[in-house]
Each structure stands twice: as structure tokens, then as C-alpha cells.
Amino acid sequence: MAISALPIGKRPNTERNGNDMNEIDPWPGGLDDPARYEIRIDGHIDSEWADGFEGMSVTPQTDGTTLLSGLVVDQAALHGLVRKVGGLGMTLVSINVVRTDDNE
């Protein structure tokens, strides 16, 4: 039986490090609540493409990546951003929740 077919409470612990999401470290505010994110993309985004990421700050980094940062309203909106990155042929480097007083 594949691990994904097991009920959540019966799955083996596959935690690799302290950053994995689990019951001890819940998602900030809940899956349907806003959270601040930093999304790092390989390469620099042209300013005309940056307008497509409404509400996100688009900051070219000296290491050749671009940092998208800002408040994302829920998980569905986050998935939309990830699809947009992929749809534009960009390589996603990382996605991080930014812990603030508002979402701790």
C-alpha cells in the first residue's frame, strides 16, 4: 500500500527537518487565511512581467534570482502564483512563509 493511500493519522513519520509542516508547527492562521510569503525565482523578471504579480513586491537579487514578496490571501492564491511562475517558463527556487507578529 502506498503511503499516500494511508489515512493521515496512520502515515509513518517522514519528517526530514524542523521546517516541515506538521501538527506541532501549524500553518500561520490556517490554510484559508492570509500569510506573507517570499517566493524566489531563478533569473530576473522584466518590469512588464512583474505587473502580472499584483500585490507582490518584485525585487531582483544580486545572486541572479528575483524575490516576490507580499501577502497572499490563501492557499488557492498561492497555488495560482506558482502556476503563473510555471506558465511563464520560470524556475521556482523556493517558497517560504514569512513569520510575523500577525501570523505567529
Protein backbone atom coordinates (compact mmCIF):
# COMPACT_ATOMS: atom_id res chain seq x y z
CA MET A 1 0.00 0.00 0.00
CA ALA A 2 1.36 3.42 -0.95
CA ILE A 3 1.94 5.91 1.84
CA SER A 4 -0.47 8.40 0.28
CA ALA A 5 -3.27 5.82 0.48
CA LEU A 6 -2.99 5.56 4.27
CA PRO A 7 -5.20 7.71 6.49
CA ILE A 8 -3.34 10.78 7.75
CA GLY A 9 -3.14 9.52 11.34
CA LYS A 10 -1.68 6.19 10.17
CA ARG A 11 1.09 7.52 7.91
CA PRO A 12 4.69 6.97 9.00
CA ASN A 13 6.60 10.00 10.24
CA THR A 14 8.64 11.21 7.25
CA GLU A 15 9.76 14.49 8.82
CA ARG A 16 13.17 15.44 7.41
CA ASN A 17 13.87 18.58 9.39
CA GLY A 18 12.32 21.09 11.75
CA ASN A 19 10.88 23.16 8.87
CA ASP A 20 8.32 20.58 7.73
CA MET A 21 4.71 21.48 8.33
CA ASN A 22 3.15 19.28 11.00
CA GLU A 23 0.77 19.45 13.93
CA ILE A 24 3.46 20.93 16.16
CA ASP A 25 4.18 23.76 13.68
CA PRO A 26 0.74 24.68 12.27
CA TRP A 27 0.28 26.86 9.21
CA PRO A 28 0.08 30.55 10.18
CA GLY A 29 -3.56 31.33 10.89
CA GLY A 30 -4.87 28.35 8.92
CA LEU A 31 -4.86 27.24 5.28
CA ASP A 32 -7.61 29.67 4.27
CA ASP A 33 -6.11 32.72 5.98
CA PRO A 34 -3.68 35.30 4.57
CA ALA A 35 0.04 34.81 5.13
CA ARG A 36 3.17 36.63 3.98
CA TYR A 37 5.37 34.76 1.52
CA GLU A 38 8.74 35.08 -0.14
CA ILE A 39 8.86 33.30 -3.49
CA ARG A 40 12.29 33.08 -5.11
CA ILE A 41 12.56 32.59 -8.88
CA ASP A 42 15.67 31.85 -10.92
CA GLY A 43 16.59 34.79 -13.14
CA HIS A 44 15.37 38.36 -13.22
CA ILE A 45 11.82 39.30 -14.20
CA ASP A 46 11.34 42.10 -16.71
CA SER A 47 9.29 45.00 -15.32
CA GLU A 48 6.43 44.36 -17.76
CA TRP A 49 6.11 40.77 -16.45
CA ALA A 50 6.34 42.00 -12.84
CA ASP A 51 3.00 43.78 -13.24
CA GLY A 52 1.36 40.34 -13.55
CA PHE A 53 2.14 39.60 -9.90
CA GLU A 54 -0.35 42.13 -8.49
CA GLY A 55 0.18 42.98 -4.85
CA MET A 56 3.59 41.32 -4.68
CA SER A 57 6.86 43.23 -4.42
CA VAL A 58 9.22 42.13 -7.19
CA THR A 59 12.87 42.59 -6.23
CA PRO A 60 15.82 41.48 -8.40
CA GLN A 61 18.55 39.97 -6.22
CA THR A 62 22.33 40.17 -6.73
CA ASP A 63 22.54 36.35 -6.90
CA GLY A 64 20.61 36.34 -10.19
CA THR A 65 17.23 35.48 -8.68
CA THR A 66 14.05 37.51 -8.24
CA LEU A 67 12.23 37.71 -4.94
CA LEU A 68 8.43 38.02 -4.97
CA SER A 69 7.19 39.00 -1.52
CA GLY A 70 3.90 40.01 -0.03
CA LEU A 71 0.61 38.96 1.47
CA VAL A 72 -1.13 36.02 -0.19
CA VAL A 73 -4.80 35.72 0.73
CA ASP A 74 -4.99 31.91 0.96
CA GLN A 75 -3.57 28.63 -0.33
CA ALA A 76 -5.59 28.85 -3.56
CA ALA A 77 -3.96 32.21 -4.35
CA LEU A 78 -0.52 30.74 -3.56
CA HIS A 79 -1.16 27.90 -5.99
CA GLY A 80 -2.20 30.48 -8.58
CA LEU A 81 1.12 32.29 -8.17
CA VAL A 82 3.02 29.03 -8.53
CA ARG A 83 1.08 28.18 -11.70
CA LYS A 84 1.82 31.65 -13.08
CA VAL A 85 5.55 31.18 -12.45
CA GLY A 86 5.48 27.82 -14.23
CA GLY A 87 3.27 29.12 -17.03
CA LEU A 88 5.80 31.84 -17.79
CA GLY A 89 8.57 29.22 -18.01
CA MET A 90 10.36 30.48 -14.91
CA THR A 91 12.16 28.15 -12.49
CA LEU A 92 10.83 28.22 -8.93
CA VAL A 93 13.70 28.18 -6.42
CA SER A 94 11.87 28.41 -3.09
CA ILE A 95 8.67 29.38 -1.29
CA ASN A 96 8.85 30.49 2.35
CA VAL A 97 6.26 31.66 4.81
CA VAL A 98 7.48 34.84 6.48
CA ARG A 99 6.71 34.64 10.18
CA THR A 100 5.48 37.95 11.56
CA ASP A 101 3.67 39.02 14.71
CA ASP A 102 0.48 38.92 12.62
CA ASN A 103 0.78 35.23 11.73
CA GLU A 104 2.70 33.64 14.61
